[in-house]
Amino acid sequence: MITKVQLLPRDEDTALTTWERIRFVLLVLVPWLGLYEFTAHLHHAGTAFQFAFEDSLPIYPWTAPVYQSIYVVAVGAPWIARTRRDLRRLTISAWLAIVLVFPIYWVMPSSAPRRPLEVTNWLTRILHWERSTYPPTQAFPSFHVLWVIFLARLLRPAWLGSAYAAAVAVSCITTGMHYIPDVLASVAIAPFLAAPGWVWNCVRTAWRRRTDRSGREAFPRWALAPDRSLRARARRVRVPVSCTLRPESPSELDSAE
């Protein structure tokens, strides 16, 4: 007997179970952390994607708690999420980001800034600890910014999530942990990762009007169906396998053209 393994929460507005919350940690955060550690220890010399003026920018250590708060929010995300649909959306976005961004780090290594930092108080000590713990790699695009954009959708009201995402994105620069292009690159790709269904609908709509020369639709009808139940019904339609295809004569092809 084959047991069905449930990797994602159901797409419904119901309360999460404790196991579903723990499963997010095991299937999302742990793999991400493992890949991050693996990539950090590759010690690849990377390219600094930066503007010319950025090396002269000051560091504001008081913004370090804002930057580092994402670690607490990420771990607490399964308990911040209100419904299964919220956690399902976060899981899918995180998986897509992992699949896309880590190969970029491996194929196109990047480096983060390391502007001089004078350690004078507990804030600068915390920032210095993070700077010295990991090598200045895995910078472009910034996974820090991707995480905060994904997690901000869990916060209510919506303006609070937007404000938090903006604050963390800015802190990536004010703490000297990222260059501006690192942040901009993440902001550019985040919508495609945060709402993959919306992106697919746009592609589906664009291709719906396109047909090949034989008049057949470029996508099968079940893929173009707007409703999942309709797509499921379309897949269940059985086509007779005993049919034969009569080759068209040259005259018929000419008339069709």
Protein backbone atom coordinates (compact mmCIF):
# COMPACT_ATOMS: atom_id res chain seq x y z
CA MET A 1 0.00 0.00 0.00
CA ILE A 2 1.39 3.36 -1.07
CA THR A 3 1.03 6.18 1.43
CA LYS A 4 0.55 9.65 0.00
CA VAL A 5 3.12 12.12 1.35
CA GLN A 6 1.77 15.62 1.91
CA LEU A 7 4.54 18.17 1.38
CA LEU A 8 2.39 21.31 1.24
CA PRO A 9 -0.45 22.59 3.40
CA ARG A 10 -3.82 22.44 1.71
CA ASP A 11 -4.94 25.41 -0.36
CA GLU A 12 -7.64 26.46 2.08
CA ASP A 13 -8.31 29.09 4.72
CA THR A 14 -8.20 26.76 7.70
CA ALA A 15 -6.03 26.67 10.79
CA LEU A 16 -2.60 25.13 10.67
CA THR A 17 -1.64 22.08 12.70
CA THR A 18 1.51 21.82 14.77
CA TRP A 19 2.94 19.24 12.38
CA GLU A 20 2.38 21.53 9.38
CA ARG A 21 4.34 24.26 11.15
CA ILE A 22 7.19 21.92 12.03
CA ARG A 23 7.16 20.53 8.50
CA PHE A 24 7.87 24.03 7.12
CA VAL A 25 10.98 24.23 9.27
CA LEU A 26 12.15 20.79 8.13
CA LEU A 27 11.35 21.14 4.42
CA VAL A 28 12.14 24.82 3.86
CA LEU A 29 14.38 26.38 6.49
CA VAL A 30 16.69 23.41 7.06
CA PRO A 31 17.39 22.83 3.32
CA TRP A 32 17.92 26.55 2.81
CA LEU A 33 20.37 26.73 5.71
CA GLY A 34 22.22 23.64 4.45
CA LEU A 35 22.61 25.10 0.97
CA TYR A 36 23.67 28.45 2.40
CA GLU A 37 26.38 26.82 4.53
CA PHE A 38 27.52 24.69 1.60
CA THR A 39 27.78 27.69 -0.71
CA ALA A 40 29.52 29.81 1.90
CA HIS A 41 32.27 27.22 2.26
CA LEU A 42 32.96 27.09 -1.47
CA HIS A 43 35.03 30.27 -1.04
CA HIS A 44 34.51 31.34 -4.63
CA ALA A 45 35.93 34.74 -5.50
CA GLY A 46 32.97 36.74 -6.69
CA THR A 47 32.11 39.86 -8.61
CA ALA A 48 31.05 42.95 -6.70
CA PHE A 49 27.92 44.27 -8.37
CA GLN A 50 28.09 47.83 -7.13
CA PHE A 51 27.81 51.48 -8.02
CA ALA A 52 31.02 53.49 -7.98
CA PHE A 53 29.98 55.63 -5.01
CA GLU A 54 29.05 52.79 -2.67
CA ASP A 55 32.47 52.25 -1.12
CA SER A 56 32.23 55.73 0.40
CA LEU A 57 28.83 55.17 2.00
CA PRO A 58 28.77 55.22 5.83
CA ILE A 59 27.66 52.30 7.99
CA TYR A 60 24.85 52.85 10.49
CA PRO A 61 25.21 50.14 13.15
CA TRP A 62 21.89 51.03 14.79
CA THR A 63 20.14 49.49 11.76
CA ALA A 64 21.71 46.07 12.45
CA PRO A 65 18.77 44.85 14.60
CA VAL A 66 16.43 45.62 11.71
CA TYR A 67 18.65 43.67 9.33
CA GLN A 68 18.99 40.70 11.68
CA SER A 69 15.34 40.60 12.71
CA ILE A 70 14.60 38.58 9.57
CA TYR A 71 16.16 35.52 11.20
CA VAL A 72 13.63 35.58 14.01
CA VAL A 73 10.72 36.27 11.68
CA ALA A 74 11.74 33.45 9.33
CA VAL A 75 11.84 30.89 12.14
CA GLY A 76 8.56 32.17 13.51
CA ALA A 77 6.87 32.29 10.10
CA PRO A 78 4.90 29.03 10.53
CA TRP A 79 3.40 30.45 13.71
CA ILE A 80 2.84 33.91 12.22
CA ALA A 81 0.93 32.42 9.27
CA ARG A 82 -2.79 32.40 10.00
CA THR A 83 -4.01 29.83 7.51
CA ARG A 84 -2.81 26.87 5.50
CA ARG A 85 -3.07 28.93 2.33
CA ASP A 86 -0.66 31.52 3.76
CA LEU A 87 1.95 28.92 4.67
CA ARG A 88 1.46 27.06 1.40
CA ARG A 89 2.16 30.23 -0.58
CA LEU A 90 5.24 30.97 1.51
CA THR A 91 6.55 27.42 1.04
CA ILE A 92 6.16 27.52 -2.74
CA SER A 93 7.85 30.92 -2.98
CA ALA A 94 10.76 29.78 -0.82
CA TRP A 95 11.27 26.60 -2.84
CA LEU A 96 11.24 28.52 -6.11
CA ALA A 97 13.76 31.00 -4.74
CA ILE A 98 16.04 28.20 -3.56
CA VAL A 99 15.93 26.50 -6.96
CA LEU A 100 16.63 29.76 -8.80
CA VAL A 101 19.03 31.71 -6.60
CA PHE A 102 21.52 29.13 -5.35
CA PRO A 103 22.51 28.07 -8.89
CA ILE A 104 23.11 31.76 -9.60
CA TYR A 105 25.48 31.87 -6.63
CA TRP A 106 27.34 28.83 -7.97
CA VAL A 107 27.52 29.85 -11.63
CA MET A 108 27.98 33.59 -11.11
CA PRO A 109 29.65 34.11 -7.71
CA SER A 110 29.19 37.52 -6.17
CA SER A 111 30.76 39.39 -3.28
CA ALA A 112 29.30 41.62 -0.60
CA PRO A 113 30.82 44.88 0.65
CA ARG A 114 33.10 44.94 3.65
CA ARG A 115 33.53 48.60 4.45
CA PRO A 116 35.57 49.45 7.56
CA LEU A 117 33.64 49.03 10.82
CA GLU A 118 34.82 50.37 14.17
CA VAL A 119 33.65 48.11 17.01
CA THR A 120 32.65 50.42 19.86
CA ASN A 121 29.39 49.09 21.36
CA TRP A 122 27.09 46.08 21.43
CA LEU A 123 25.46 47.02 18.12
CA THR A 124 28.76 47.14 16.29
CA ARG A 125 29.86 43.91 17.99
CA ILE A 126 26.75 42.11 16.71
CA LEU A 127 27.32 43.45 13.21
CA HIS A 128 31.01 42.56 13.35
CA TRP A 129 30.11 39.03 14.47
CA GLU A 130 27.86 38.50 11.45
CA ARG A 131 30.43 39.98 9.07
CA SER A 132 33.16 37.71 10.41
CA THR A 133 31.07 34.53 10.65
CA TYR A 134 30.43 34.16 6.92
CA PRO A 135 32.58 35.17 3.96
CA PRO A 136 31.29 38.11 1.90
CA THR A 137 29.67 35.95 -0.76
CA GLN A 138 26.15 34.96 -1.88
CA ALA A 139 25.26 38.60 -2.38
CA PHE A 140 23.61 38.97 -5.81
CA PRO A 141 20.66 38.72 -5.63
CA SER A 142 20.12 39.27 -1.93
CA PHE A 143 18.32 36.33 -0.32
CA HIS A 144 17.79 38.60 2.68
CA VAL A 145 15.51 40.80 0.61
CA LEU A 146 13.70 37.86 -0.96
CA TRP A 147 12.95 36.40 2.45
CA VAL A 148 11.56 39.64 3.82
CA ILE A 149 9.31 40.15 0.78
CA PHE A 150 7.90 36.64 1.16
CA LEU A 151 7.46 36.97 4.92
CA ALA A 152 5.96 40.45 4.77
CA ARG A 153 2.81 38.97 3.22
CA LEU A 154 2.10 37.21 6.51
CA LEU A 155 1.95 40.43 8.50
CA ARG A 156 -1.29 42.26 9.14
CA PRO A 157 -2.26 44.93 8.35
CA ALA A 158 -0.70 44.91 4.88
CA TRP A 159 0.98 48.29 5.33
CA LEU A 160 2.93 46.86 8.27
CA GLY A 161 4.34 44.13 6.07
CA SER A 162 5.26 46.63 3.35
CA ALA A 163 6.95 48.94 5.86
CA TYR A 164 8.89 46.06 7.39
CA ALA A 165 10.05 44.81 4.00
CA ALA A 166 11.21 48.30 3.03
CA ALA A 167 13.05 48.77 6.33
CA VAL A 168 14.94 45.48 6.02
CA ALA A 169 15.80 46.17 2.36
CA VAL A 170 17.26 49.56 3.28
CA SER A 171 19.13 48.06 6.24
CA CYS A 172 20.93 45.71 3.84
CA ILE A 173 22.70 48.81 2.53
CA THR A 174 23.01 50.84 5.73
CA THR A 175 24.70 47.93 7.53
CA GLY A 176 27.13 47.48 4.66
CA MET A 177 26.02 43.88 4.13
CA HIS A 178 24.88 44.33 0.53
CA TYR A 179 25.37 46.57 -2.44
CA ILE A 180 22.43 48.45 -3.91
CA PRO A 181 22.26 46.26 -7.07
CA ASP A 182 21.96 43.17 -4.82
CA VAL A 183 18.79 44.64 -3.36
CA LEU A 184 17.42 45.85 -6.68
CA ALA A 185 17.93 42.43 -8.29
CA SER A 186 15.91 40.76 -5.53
CA VAL A 187 13.12 43.32 -5.80
CA ALA A 188 12.99 42.69 -9.56
CA ILE A 189 12.61 38.89 -9.35
CA ALA A 190 10.54 38.73 -6.16
CA PRO A 191 7.13 39.21 -7.86
CA PHE A 192 7.73 36.17 -10.06
CA LEU A 193 8.63 34.06 -7.05
CA ALA A 194 6.03 35.47 -4.69
CA ALA A 195 3.11 34.98 -7.10
CA PRO A 196 3.99 32.18 -9.55
CA GLY A 197 0.31 31.53 -10.22
CA TRP A 198 -0.18 35.10 -11.37
CA VAL A 199 2.83 34.81 -13.68
CA TRP A 200 1.50 31.56 -15.13
CA ASN A 201 -1.90 33.15 -15.75
CA CYS A 202 -0.23 35.99 -17.64
CA VAL A 203 1.75 33.58 -19.80
CA ARG A 204 -1.32 31.42 -20.33
CA THR A 205 -3.41 34.39 -21.41
CA ALA A 206 -0.73 35.62 -23.80
CA TRP A 207 -0.41 32.22 -25.45
CA ARG A 208 -4.11 31.51 -25.55
CA ARG A 209 -4.47 33.61 -28.68
CA ARG A 210 -1.58 31.97 -30.42
CA THR A 211 -2.15 28.93 -32.58
CA ASP A 212 0.16 26.97 -34.76
CA ARG A 213 -0.25 26.80 -38.51
CA SER A 214 -2.49 23.76 -38.31
CA GLY A 215 -4.99 25.69 -36.23
CA ARG A 216 -4.38 23.75 -33.05
CA GLU A 217 -3.98 25.63 -29.79
CA ALA A 218 -0.43 26.07 -28.55
CA PHE A 219 -1.48 24.88 -25.07
CA PRO A 220 -3.86 21.99 -24.41
CA ARG A 221 -7.28 23.06 -23.23
CA TRP A 222 -6.80 21.65 -19.74
CA ALA A 223 -3.76 23.93 -19.25
CA LEU A 224 -5.75 26.97 -20.34
CA ALA A 225 -8.73 26.23 -18.15
CA PRO A 226 -8.99 28.99 -15.52
CA ASP A 227 -10.35 26.67 -12.85
CA ARG A 228 -8.45 23.72 -11.41
CA SER A 229 -11.56 21.57 -11.20
CA LEU A 230 -12.20 22.21 -14.89
CA ARG A 231 -8.63 21.19 -15.71
CA ALA A 232 -9.10 18.03 -13.66
CA ARG A 233 -12.29 17.17 -15.54
CA ALA A 234 -10.53 17.79 -18.84
CA ARG A 235 -7.76 15.37 -17.89
CA ARG A 236 -10.30 12.68 -17.11
CA VAL A 237 -11.75 12.76 -20.61
CA ARG A 238 -10.67 9.55 -22.32
CA VAL A 239 -9.80 9.65 -26.02
CA PRO A 240 -10.45 6.46 -28.06
CA VAL A 241 -7.17 4.85 -29.04
CA SER A 242 -8.58 2.92 -31.98
CA CYS A 243 -8.99 5.94 -34.21
CA THR A 244 -6.93 6.23 -37.38
CA LEU A 245 -5.55 9.33 -39.01
CA ARG A 246 -6.06 9.76 -42.73
CA PRO A 247 -3.16 11.63 -44.34
CA GLU A 248 -4.22 14.74 -46.10
CA SER A 249 -3.78 14.97 -49.82
CA PRO A 250 -1.65 17.72 -51.35
CA SER A 251 -4.80 19.38 -52.74
CA GLU A 252 -6.34 19.51 -49.26
CA LEU A 253 -3.17 21.01 -47.83
CA ASP A 254 -3.17 23.66 -50.56
CA SER A 255 -6.80 24.52 -49.89
CA ALA A 256 -6.13 24.71 -46.15
CA GLU A 257 -3.39 27.25 -46.79
